[in-house]
Amino acid sequence: MQNKIATGTRTYEKRRGLDGTEGQIIGRQLKTGEVRRIDYQRRELPWEEYRLIFQAARDLLLSRGYEKNSPDLEAQNLFAEMIPDSAELRQERKTTLKQLKSRDEKTRFLAAKHLDKLARHRHQDECVVRHPDIVAALIDALDKESRRKNSSVRLQEMLIQGLGRVQSVW
């Protein structure tokens, strides 16, 4: 992961023309003149460009940490540290994810339907349904529904449909 980050930094610097000319030498060995540390003053990014870079980093950490056959725990930790929870995600945790655990079948169905609707109608880069916590909650709800004696087939279908939409879009 550190190699990928270093490679990404070099690629970014090449793409932006930051070849070290904007850097300020901070640490230099006096006898040999060897540079030990350079501090770069990066230019501020316009919001749209920052958003695209942020989304690319988030997508890389998601695919490395969660979507591969063998999940990378280091990537999962980096995702947790670097990608802040959005206000929408915090709201979904308080409402929809709690509703998925409700004893009332209608409440669970409406929560599953809501998540399916989010995955269907939102722009894929901004969709909260893609977050690992939401996907894990959907999988857990489907597992619990499949073990219930009187579980509704409609509810199970809605959960599978929501998971399918998340998977097909990303």
Protein backbone atom coordinates (compact mmCIF):
# COMPACT_ATOMS: atom_id res chain seq x y z
CA MET A 1 0.00 0.00 0.00
CA GLN A 2 2.86 2.38 0.84
CA ASN A 3 4.41 1.66 -2.58
CA LYS A 4 1.09 2.46 -4.26
CA ILE A 5 0.81 5.71 -2.31
CA ALA A 6 4.40 6.66 -3.22
CA THR A 7 3.80 5.78 -6.87
CA GLY A 8 0.58 7.79 -6.83
CA THR A 9 2.39 10.77 -5.33
CA ARG A 10 5.09 10.61 -8.03
CA THR A 11 2.47 10.27 -10.76
CA TYR A 12 0.54 13.21 -9.33
CA GLU A 13 3.69 15.32 -9.18
CA LYS A 14 4.57 14.47 -12.80
CA ARG A 15 1.03 15.15 -13.99
CA ARG A 16 0.93 18.49 -12.18
CA GLY A 17 4.47 19.48 -13.12
CA LEU A 18 5.74 19.32 -9.54
CA ASP A 19 9.24 18.15 -10.31
CA GLY A 20 10.71 19.37 -7.05
CA THR A 21 11.09 22.99 -8.10
CA GLU A 22 8.39 24.01 -5.64
CA GLY A 23 10.10 22.17 -2.79
CA GLN A 24 12.07 23.75 -0.02
CA ILE A 25 15.07 21.84 1.31
CA ILE A 26 14.73 21.38 5.05
CA GLY A 27 17.36 18.79 5.95
CA ARG A 28 20.76 18.48 4.28
CA GLN A 29 23.81 16.63 5.52
CA LEU A 30 26.53 19.23 5.91
CA LYS A 31 29.57 17.11 4.92
CA THR A 32 28.18 15.42 1.79
CA GLY A 33 25.43 17.83 0.82
CA GLU A 34 22.96 14.94 0.67
CA VAL A 35 19.37 16.10 0.88
CA ARG A 36 17.49 14.29 3.63
CA ARG A 37 14.15 16.03 3.49
CA ILE A 38 12.33 18.35 1.13
CA ASP A 39 9.11 20.08 2.09
CA TYR A 40 6.74 20.62 -0.83
CA GLN A 41 4.24 23.40 -0.88
CA ARG A 42 1.36 21.89 -2.82
CA ARG A 43 -1.00 24.20 -4.56
CA GLU A 44 -4.60 24.24 -3.39
CA LEU A 45 -6.91 22.19 -5.54
CA PRO A 46 -10.23 23.37 -6.87
CA TRP A 47 -13.11 21.54 -5.19
CA GLU A 48 -14.04 19.49 -8.27
CA GLU A 49 -10.49 18.25 -8.80
CA TYR A 50 -10.12 17.43 -5.09
CA ARG A 51 -13.43 15.52 -5.16
CA LEU A 52 -12.26 13.38 -8.08
CA ILE A 53 -8.94 12.56 -6.37
CA PHE A 54 -10.73 11.79 -3.08
CA GLN A 55 -13.18 9.48 -4.85
CA ALA A 56 -10.35 7.66 -6.63
CA ALA A 57 -8.53 7.12 -3.31
CA ARG A 58 -11.73 5.93 -1.65
CA ASP A 59 -12.44 3.52 -4.51
CA LEU A 60 -8.91 2.11 -4.36
CA LEU A 61 -9.15 1.51 -0.61
CA LEU A 62 -12.62 -0.03 -0.98
CA SER A 63 -11.51 -2.46 -3.67
CA ARG A 64 -8.29 -3.39 -1.88
CA GLY A 65 -9.84 -3.64 1.55
CA TYR A 66 -13.23 -5.17 0.98
CA GLU A 67 -13.96 -6.33 -2.55
CA LYS A 68 -11.16 -8.80 -3.19
CA ASN A 69 -11.23 -12.51 -2.32
CA SER A 70 -8.79 -11.93 0.51
CA PRO A 71 -9.57 -8.61 2.20
CA ASP A 72 -6.59 -6.43 3.06
CA LEU A 73 -6.81 -5.40 6.72
CA GLU A 74 -4.27 -2.63 6.24
CA ALA A 75 -6.41 -1.11 3.48
CA GLN A 76 -9.48 -1.43 5.72
CA ASN A 77 -7.67 0.44 8.50
CA LEU A 78 -6.56 3.14 6.06
CA PHE A 79 -10.13 3.45 4.79
CA ALA A 80 -11.39 3.90 8.36
CA GLU A 81 -8.72 6.53 9.10
CA MET A 82 -8.77 8.49 5.86
CA ILE A 83 -12.36 8.42 4.63
CA PRO A 84 -14.63 10.34 6.99
CA ASP A 85 -18.24 9.34 7.50
CA SER A 86 -20.63 11.60 5.67
CA ALA A 87 -23.64 13.15 7.36
CA GLU A 88 -25.83 10.94 5.18
CA LEU A 89 -24.04 7.79 6.36
CA ARG A 90 -24.43 8.79 10.00
CA GLN A 91 -28.14 9.40 9.36
CA GLU A 92 -28.56 6.02 7.65
CA ARG A 93 -26.89 4.31 10.61
CA LYS A 94 -29.33 5.97 13.01
CA THR A 95 -32.43 5.19 10.98
CA THR A 96 -32.28 2.61 8.20
CA LEU A 97 -29.70 0.23 9.67
CA LYS A 98 -31.59 0.14 12.97
CA GLN A 99 -34.82 -0.48 11.05
CA LEU A 100 -33.21 -3.47 9.30
CA LYS A 101 -32.89 -5.07 12.76
CA SER A 102 -36.47 -4.32 13.79
CA ARG A 103 -38.84 -7.06 14.93
CA ASP A 104 -41.55 -5.67 12.67
CA GLU A 105 -41.35 -7.21 9.20
CA LYS A 106 -42.91 -4.19 7.50
CA THR A 107 -40.27 -1.90 9.03
CA ARG A 108 -37.49 -4.19 7.81
CA PHE A 109 -39.03 -4.31 4.34
CA LEU A 110 -39.30 -0.50 4.13
CA ALA A 111 -35.65 -0.15 5.23
CA ALA A 112 -34.51 -2.65 2.57
CA LYS A 113 -36.63 -0.86 -0.03
CA HIS A 114 -35.11 2.48 0.98
CA LEU A 115 -31.54 1.18 0.54
CA ASP A 116 -32.45 -0.37 -2.81
CA LYS A 117 -33.91 2.96 -3.92
CA LEU A 118 -30.74 4.79 -2.85
CA ALA A 119 -28.57 2.42 -4.88
CA ARG A 120 -30.84 2.80 -7.90
CA HIS A 121 -31.28 6.55 -7.99
CA ARG A 122 -28.10 8.10 -6.67
CA HIS A 123 -24.98 9.02 -8.60
CA GLN A 124 -22.56 6.16 -8.05
CA ASP A 125 -19.69 8.32 -6.76
CA GLU A 126 -21.79 9.80 -3.99
CA CYS A 127 -23.90 6.81 -3.02
CA VAL A 128 -23.75 5.93 0.68
CA VAL A 129 -25.02 2.40 0.01
CA ARG A 130 -21.55 1.45 -1.18
CA HIS A 131 -20.06 1.94 2.29
CA PRO A 132 -18.82 -1.34 3.87
CA ASP A 133 -21.02 -0.83 6.94
CA ILE A 134 -24.17 -0.61 4.81
CA VAL A 135 -23.22 -3.62 2.67
CA ALA A 136 -22.39 -5.65 5.79
CA ALA A 137 -25.75 -4.69 7.33
CA LEU A 138 -27.57 -5.82 4.16
CA ILE A 139 -25.72 -9.14 4.15
CA ASP A 140 -26.40 -9.63 7.86
CA ALA A 141 -30.11 -8.82 7.39
CA LEU A 142 -30.36 -11.30 4.52
CA ASP A 143 -28.66 -13.97 6.61
CA LYS A 144 -31.07 -13.40 9.50
CA GLU A 145 -34.09 -13.38 7.19
CA SER A 146 -33.07 -16.67 5.61
CA ARG A 147 -32.94 -18.26 9.09
CA ARG A 148 -36.31 -16.92 10.27
CA LYS A 149 -39.17 -19.42 10.20
CA ASN A 150 -41.87 -17.07 8.94
CA SER A 151 -39.74 -14.75 6.86
CA SER A 152 -41.30 -13.00 3.90
CA VAL A 153 -39.99 -13.98 0.51
CA ARG A 154 -40.65 -10.41 -0.65
CA LEU A 155 -38.32 -9.07 2.04
CA GLN A 156 -35.57 -11.52 1.11
CA GLU A 157 -35.98 -10.58 -2.56
CA MET A 158 -35.72 -6.86 -1.69
CA LEU A 159 -32.49 -7.47 0.26
CA ILE A 160 -31.01 -9.52 -2.58
CA GLN A 161 -32.09 -6.89 -5.09
CA GLY A 162 -30.42 -4.13 -3.05
CA LEU A 163 -27.19 -6.12 -2.77
CA GLY A 164 -27.36 -6.90 -6.47
CA ARG A 165 -27.70 -3.22 -7.36
CA VAL A 166 -24.72 -2.31 -5.21
CA GLN A 167 -22.64 -5.05 -6.81
CA SER A 168 -23.71 -4.33 -10.40
CA VAL A 169 -23.02 -0.61 -10.22
CA TRP A 170 -19.60 -1.03 -8.63
